[in-house]
């Protein structure tokens, strides 16, 4: 793998940048691999990298029906945080945030990681009590969360001019999560892909999987792709909202439903907000990108959907709520909008486990899975390589649905 540095940048400048190595290869598809990963998004690519780097499993193919990093990893609001509620969730996300902070160095790829701090703006006392409860749990696992006054909220967010004492929802205070940050979603995908490729993992774009193949003994045997059948004794499904589309081809039904989550950005403006603002009572959150755009997200659609655009009423509700607190933003123009479909479990926590079909694994149910990419990849690689769950993921198995031992996680942004 070619080393990226100031020296290599200067050296290649003399040749017009024509001698850079390709970030990853495009080899022909083989008939068989040790492991097949379906989905070249963040979780699939991270799993491939950690399989190779941590466990020496390199005969791995990552199959992507579109282009690498073009799915949900490219359709999110790039927030990284660990302010969750449950004992099972917090250590997992603390680990993920920690891995993110060292990812640029470890992968030799600039993630543009910026530790921004998240400010939760609170409008009612039951919500404040709930967040205080979350703070006390987070303290156990070393994740930072601190209550602040209304005056401190406004000091951290000078553009916050609404929410006064006579408003519909007056601000009563806030919570600060200092570990939160943002980075570049495409850099995360490309960095993992480049590093995995250098270790021998193969990337296969435009290689859609039509169905899963089971052997006569019922175990997984491979996949049927648009380029033919490819065999493997272990297959990982990491395709976000399309998980059930694939698993049902193997006769497997999962406790998932697919929903649409939308986001949009404003035109670029001068630096105005240097923190991540979360207003869960009103159903929106945003941060400002390095280019100056306001990256804004809202609540998911209420019904099931595979759509990838934005519903007008969701957009209007989100913008209307934001303008209550930031009336000056009404002057801004919308630059672009998008939607991503994600699969949700009954308890809003992920599933990372081997299925009842031996050799078939799923990484699914991620409500805002971007922040979980490093830890999700690391723990899934451990499960596949060792045939035993990683301590951080052991509770996120199918067993919790059999025993009704739900991990009811309301720590998701704007969840209502």
Foldseek 3Di string as FASTA:
>chain_A
DDFDDPVVVVVCVVVVVPPDDDLFDADDDDQEFAEEEEDLALQSLLLLLLLCPVVNRQRYEYEAQADHHPAVLQADAQKAFQLWADPLRRLLSVVLLVCVVCLCVVLSFFQQKDQQKEKEFDQDDVVVVVSVNSQVSNVVNPWDKAWFAPVVVCVQAVLQPFQPPPAPGHTGTIMIGRSMIGTHSVRSSSSSNSSSNVSNYHYHHSKAFQEWDADPVLATFFTQTPVGTHGHRAYEYERFQCRQVHVVRSVDDDQKFKWKWKKFKWDADPDRHRHWYFHLVQFKIWDADPRRIIIMTGDIDPDGDQDKFDDPVRVVSRVVSVCNRRVVCVPIHTDDMIMHMGMAHPQQDWAFEADPRRNYTYTGRHPPCNNSSNSSSNQSSCCNSVVDGDPSCNVRHPVCVVVVVGPRMPPHGSRD
